[in-house]
Amino acid sequence: MISQPDAPDPIGAFLLLGATFCLLAAMYVVCYTFFMANWEGWEAWNRRTGLDAEMAEEERDKRLRPK
């Protein structure tokens, strides 16, 4: 059977889809690695930003509490 030049190529489409997934996975791994290498933890984040998780939870509960 002779393939038509304008017919879609299912094998090529799956290869392109697989290459796209591999590229996205590689970008995710690289970005996650850099992020985790520089992440200091929530305590450092709270100190630097002045945010306190417990205080934020209390204020959230006060806002959501029915009056």
C-alpha atoms as a PDB file:
ATOM      1  CA  MET A   1       0.000   0.000   0.000  1.00  0.00           C
ATOM      2  CA  ILE A   2       1.408   3.370  -1.022  1.00  0.00           C
ATOM      3  CA  SER A   3       1.027   6.186   1.496  1.00  0.00           C
ATOM      4  CA  GLN A   4      -0.436   9.446   0.361  1.00  0.00           C
ATOM      5  CA  PRO A   5       1.785  12.522   0.757  1.00  0.00           C
ATOM      6  CA  ASP A   6      -1.046  14.506   2.375  1.00  0.00           C
ATOM      7  CA  ALA A   7      -2.145  11.685   4.724  1.00  0.00           C
ATOM      8  CA  PRO A   8      -1.359  12.115   8.437  1.00  0.00           C
ATOM      9  CA  ASP A   9       1.516  10.071   9.834  1.00  0.00           C
ATOM     10  CA  PRO A  10       0.412   8.400  13.106  1.00  0.00           C
ATOM     11  CA  ILE A  11       3.906   7.190  14.023  1.00  0.00           C
ATOM     12  CA  GLY A  12       5.365  10.654  13.524  1.00  0.00           C
ATOM     13  CA  ALA A  13       2.548  12.171  15.564  1.00  0.00           C
ATOM     14  CA  PHE A  14       3.221   9.818  18.484  1.00  0.00           C
ATOM     15  CA  LEU A  15       6.958  10.500  18.272  1.00  0.00           C
ATOM     16  CA  LEU A  16       6.299  14.242  18.343  1.00  0.00           C
ATOM     17  CA  LEU A  17       3.923  13.838  21.292  1.00  0.00           C
ATOM     18  CA  GLY A  18       6.477  11.740  23.160  1.00  0.00           C
ATOM     19  CA  ALA A  19       9.230  14.270  22.466  1.00  0.00           C
ATOM     20  CA  THR A  20       6.991  17.045  23.781  1.00  0.00           C
ATOM     21  CA  PHE A  21       6.319  15.143  27.008  1.00  0.00           C
ATOM     22  CA  CYS A  22      10.031  14.416  27.439  1.00  0.00           C
ATOM     23  CA  LEU A  23      10.893  18.089  26.943  1.00  0.00           C
ATOM     24  CA  LEU A  24       8.262  19.205  29.459  1.00  0.00           C
ATOM     25  CA  ALA A  25       9.448  16.610  31.985  1.00  0.00           C
ATOM     26  CA  ALA A  26      13.068  17.711  31.575  1.00  0.00           C
ATOM     27  CA  MET A  27      12.128  21.371  32.076  1.00  0.00           C
ATOM     28  CA  TYR A  28      10.150  20.433  35.200  1.00  0.00           C
ATOM     29  CA  VAL A  29      13.078  18.481  36.658  1.00  0.00           C
ATOM     30  CA  VAL A  30      15.551  21.306  36.002  1.00  0.00           C
ATOM     31  CA  CYS A  31      13.292  24.010  37.460  1.00  0.00           C
ATOM     32  CA  TYR A  32      12.411  21.858  40.488  1.00  0.00           C
ATOM     33  CA  THR A  33      16.090  21.096  41.105  1.00  0.00           C
ATOM     34  CA  PHE A  34      17.065  24.772  41.052  1.00  0.00           C
ATOM     35  CA  PHE A  35      14.106  25.686  43.265  1.00  0.00           C
ATOM     36  CA  MET A  36      14.871  23.030  45.876  1.00  0.00           C
ATOM     37  CA  ALA A  37      18.573  23.917  45.907  1.00  0.00           C
ATOM     38  CA  ASN A  38      17.740  27.531  46.797  1.00  0.00           C
ATOM     39  CA  TRP A  39      14.722  26.947  49.052  1.00  0.00           C
ATOM     40  CA  GLU A  40      15.465  27.850  52.672  1.00  0.00           C
ATOM     41  CA  GLY A  41      12.205  26.632  54.173  1.00  0.00           C
ATOM     42  CA  TRP A  42       9.026  28.229  55.436  1.00  0.00           C
ATOM     43  CA  GLU A  43      10.690  29.650  58.540  1.00  0.00           C
ATOM     44  CA  ALA A  44      13.122  31.717  56.478  1.00  0.00           C
ATOM     45  CA  TRP A  45      10.291  32.751  54.153  1.00  0.00           C
ATOM     46  CA  ASN A  46       8.158  33.915  57.081  1.00  0.00           C
ATOM     47  CA  ARG A  47      11.086  35.821  58.643  1.00  0.00           C
ATOM     48  CA  ARG A  48      11.960  37.525  55.367  1.00  0.00           C
ATOM     49  CA  THR A  49       8.388  38.488  54.455  1.00  0.00           C
ATOM     50  CA  GLY A  50       7.154  39.182  57.972  1.00  0.00           C
ATOM     51  CA  LEU A  51       4.321  36.695  57.549  1.00  0.00           C
ATOM     52  CA  ASP A  52       3.351  34.412  60.398  1.00  0.00           C
ATOM     53  CA  ALA A  53       1.442  31.272  59.465  1.00  0.00           C
ATOM     54  CA  GLU A  54      -0.337  30.928  62.821  1.00  0.00           C
ATOM     55  CA  MET A  55      -1.448  34.556  62.815  1.00  0.00           C
ATOM     56  CA  ALA A  56      -2.649  34.245  59.222  1.00  0.00           C
ATOM     57  CA  GLU A  57      -4.726  31.173  60.129  1.00  0.00           C
ATOM     58  CA  GLU A  58      -6.300  32.992  63.092  1.00  0.00           C
ATOM     59  CA  GLU A  59      -7.212  35.988  60.932  1.00  0.00           C
ATOM     60  CA  ARG A  60      -8.631  33.686  58.262  1.00  0.00           C
ATOM     61  CA  ASP A  61     -10.781  31.915  60.858  1.00  0.00           C
ATOM     62  CA  LYS A  62     -12.027  35.281  62.160  1.00  0.00           C
ATOM     63  CA  ARG A  63     -12.959  36.397  58.651  1.00  0.00           C
ATOM     64  CA  LEU A  64     -14.784  33.177  57.808  1.00  0.00           C
ATOM     65  CA  ARG A  65     -16.578  32.862  61.147  1.00  0.00           C
ATOM     66  CA  PRO A  66     -20.300  33.671  60.786  1.00  0.00           C
ATOM     67  CA  LYS A  67     -21.359  36.854  62.527  1.00  0.00           C
END
